Every structure is written in structure tokens, then in C-alpha cells.
Protein backbone atom coordinates (compact mmCIF):
# COMPACT_ATOMS: atom_id res chain seq x y z
CA MET A 1 2.52 -12.96 -12.08
CA SER A 2 2.95 -9.55 -12.87
CA ALA A 3 5.94 -8.16 -15.22
CA GLN A 4 7.19 -5.48 -13.72
CA SER A 5 10.43 -3.66 -13.91
CA TRP A 6 10.21 -1.01 -10.98
CA LYS A 7 13.13 -1.96 -8.91
CA THR A 8 11.22 -2.74 -5.85
CA VAL A 9 7.51 -2.94 -4.97
CA SER A 10 5.52 -2.25 -1.62
CA THR A 11 1.64 -2.33 -0.99
CA SER A 12 -0.07 -0.86 1.72
CA LEU A 13 -3.63 -0.32 3.37
CA VAL A 14 -2.90 3.47 4.36
CA VAL A 15 -5.23 5.28 6.80
CA THR A 16 -4.47 8.78 7.20
CA ARG A 17 -6.32 11.59 9.37
CA THR A 18 -4.67 15.00 11.14
CA VAL A 19 -5.44 13.53 14.40
CA LEU A 20 -4.63 9.66 14.78
CA ASP A 21 -4.10 7.27 17.38
CA PRO A 22 -2.24 4.66 15.48
CA GLN A 23 -3.39 2.03 18.62
CA ALA A 24 -7.10 2.80 17.61
CA ILE A 25 -6.38 2.09 14.13
CA SER A 26 -4.98 -1.15 14.75
CA ASP A 27 -7.35 -2.07 17.36
CA ALA A 28 -10.56 -1.36 15.02
CA LEU A 29 -9.29 -3.28 12.42
CA GLU A 30 -8.02 -6.16 15.09
CA LEU A 31 -4.41 -5.59 13.54
CA PRO A 32 -0.93 -5.70 15.46
CA ARG A 33 0.02 -2.97 17.05
CA ALA A 34 1.98 -0.09 14.99
CA GLY A 35 5.56 -0.74 14.66
CA SER A 36 5.38 -4.54 14.40
CA ILE A 37 6.93 -6.20 11.46
CA SER A 38 7.25 -9.77 10.51
CA GLU A 39 9.81 -11.79 9.10
CA ALA A 40 7.83 -12.14 5.83
CA GLY A 41 8.05 -8.48 5.49
CA VAL A 42 4.14 -7.67 6.65
CA GLY A 43 4.05 -4.86 8.71
CA VAL A 44 1.81 -1.92 10.67
CA VAL A 45 3.92 1.32 10.63
CA SER A 46 2.87 4.68 11.54
CA GLN A 47 3.68 8.14 12.29
CA GLU A 48 1.80 11.66 12.72
CA GLY A 49 -1.37 11.38 10.92
CA TRP A 50 -1.08 8.04 9.19
CA TRP A 51 -1.50 4.57 9.73
CA ALA A 52 -0.31 1.68 7.14
CA LEU A 53 -0.13 -2.06 7.12
CA VAL A 54 2.54 -2.71 4.54
CA TYR A 55 3.59 -5.23 2.36
CA SER A 56 7.27 -5.14 1.32
CA GLU A 57 9.39 -6.44 -1.24
CA THR A 58 10.66 -9.09 2.00
CA ASN A 59 7.05 -10.58 1.65
CA SER A 60 7.05 -11.09 -2.24
CA PRO A 61 8.76 -9.08 -4.96
CA TYR A 62 5.39 -9.47 -7.18
CA LEU A 63 2.68 -6.83 -6.95
CA GLU A 64 0.38 -9.63 -7.55
CA GLN A 65 1.51 -11.89 -4.26
CA GLN A 66 1.49 -8.35 -2.21
CA LEU A 67 -1.95 -7.39 -3.05
CA THR A 68 -3.62 -11.19 -2.73
CA SER A 69 -2.20 -10.83 0.93
CA LEU A 70 -3.25 -7.90 1.17
CA ALA A 71 -6.71 -8.72 0.04
CA GLY A 72 -6.84 -11.45 2.36
CA HIS A 73 -6.37 -8.83 5.28
CA ILE A 74 -8.84 -6.39 3.86
CA GLN A 75 -11.73 -8.09 2.48
CA PRO A 76 -13.05 -9.70 6.20
CA ARG A 77 -12.36 -6.17 7.56
CA ALA A 78 -14.50 -4.30 4.74
CA ALA A 79 -16.80 -3.32 7.01
CA LYS A 80 -14.53 -2.18 9.71
CA VAL A 81 -12.46 -0.29 6.95
CA ARG A 82 -16.20 1.65 5.66
CA GLU A 83 -16.39 2.23 9.50
CA LEU A 84 -13.31 4.47 9.47
CA ILE A 85 -14.05 6.19 6.32
CA SER A 86 -17.49 7.36 7.95
CA LEU A 87 -15.48 8.34 11.25
CA GLY A 88 -13.39 10.97 8.74
CA TYR A 89 -10.21 8.72 7.90
CA SER A 90 -9.18 8.87 4.49
CA VAL A 91 -8.35 5.34 3.14
CA HIS A 92 -6.52 4.01 0.29
CA ILE A 93 -4.31 1.23 -1.29
CA GLU A 94 -0.74 2.69 -1.59
CA ILE A 95 1.37 0.97 -4.37
CA SER A 96 4.74 2.54 -4.41
CA GLY A 97 8.09 1.46 -5.65
CA VAL A 98 11.40 2.70 -7.36
CA ALA A 99 11.77 3.38 -10.80
CA GLU A 100 13.54 5.12 -13.70
CA THR A 101 12.80 6.45 -16.88
CA GLY A 102 11.28 3.86 -18.89
CA ASP A 103 10.61 1.39 -16.27
CA THR A 104 7.04 -0.37 -16.10
CA LEU A 105 4.95 -1.68 -13.81
CA PHE A 106 2.38 -3.91 -15.26
CA ILE A 107 -0.78 -4.62 -13.35
CA SER A 108 -2.21 -7.87 -14.27
CA PRO A 109 -6.06 -8.75 -14.64
CA ALA A 110 -6.17 -10.62 -11.64
CA SER A 111 -4.41 -7.67 -9.80
CA GLN A 112 -6.95 -5.06 -10.74
CA GLN A 113 -9.86 -7.41 -9.99
CA GLN A 114 -8.16 -7.71 -6.41
CA LEU A 115 -8.07 -4.05 -6.47
CA ALA A 116 -11.82 -3.30 -7.63
CA VAL A 117 -12.89 -5.73 -5.12
CA MET A 118 -11.32 -4.09 -2.21
CA GLU A 119 -13.58 -0.75 -3.53
CA LEU A 120 -10.59 1.49 -2.16
CA PRO A 121 -8.84 4.44 -4.11
CA VAL A 122 -5.25 3.16 -5.41
CA ARG A 123 -2.31 5.83 -5.51
CA CYS A 124 0.78 5.37 -6.82
CA THR A 125 4.23 6.80 -5.40
CA VAL A 126 7.47 6.36 -7.69
CA LEU A 127 10.88 7.36 -6.61
CA SER A 128 13.96 7.30 -8.25
CA VAL A 129 17.13 5.20 -7.37
CA THR A 130 18.88 8.05 -6.05
CA GLY A 131 15.53 9.10 -4.06
CA GLU A 132 15.55 12.60 -5.88
CA PRO A 133 12.55 13.35 -7.68
CA ALA A 134 12.97 14.23 -11.25
CA THR A 135 13.00 17.38 -12.54
CA ASP A 136 9.75 16.84 -14.56
CA PRO A 137 7.50 15.22 -12.12
CA LEU A 138 6.13 13.20 -15.20
CA ASP A 139 9.55 12.14 -16.83
CA TRP A 140 9.08 8.45 -15.60
CA LEU A 141 6.07 8.54 -18.13
CA ASP A 142 8.50 8.63 -20.78
């Protein structure tokens, strides 16, 4: 398991483009339509310009387990993901969470391998417990 001190962790496959039809993305990837979230915390959500397959803390509080589940959905659809990219969509893995100054998130070698196999850019988004960005956006790196 990954050792972490982030308060929550969520992992997602995110597809963005200025003009995006969420149902077309769900259909292309053969995933449920946007707005569906299972009791296990796995869901497809979207708003204008983006679509995401989300693994929340409800699915598992551990990043490694979320990445394993995400990779299980992405790897069989790798050709479809590449096709979306060729059509001008931006596709990446998003790791987000709540953290304060001094909190850490350890990404285990197994998780790093899963990220490498998915062959997609990885972005991290960190919020404070209050939801307010720090005065210095790099404060959390202390």
C-alpha cells in the first residue's frame, strides 16, 4: 500500500476539450453515461469541457488500489484512448487530494509502474482542508 498523509485521495481518468459531448466519450470508451456513480465509489462525471472516470476514497482510501482499478479500466481501452487523443482530446490521469503543509503522498513503485503502463500524463491537484489555496501555491511542498 502507499503510505500517505493526504486527508483524501481521488484518482481519475480525465478527458477534456473545448467542445465535448460527455455521452460520446462514454460511448467511445464503452463506459456508463456521465452522472452514474456506483456504491463502490466509481463513477463517470462531467461538466462543460470535461469528462472523468473517478475512483474516490469511497472506492478505496489508498492510491495504489485506486490506480489498480483505474488501470483495469484503461488498459483494455488503450486503443480507444489513443483514438480520442488523435481526435484532439486531452487525456490525463488526475490524482487529487486534500493536504496541508508537510503532508506527503508516497507513490509506491507498483503504482509508478501502473502509471507508466497507462502511458498518459499525470497531474496532481492539492487543496487545503479549508478548500482555500495557500498564499504561496508551493507551501504544501515544505
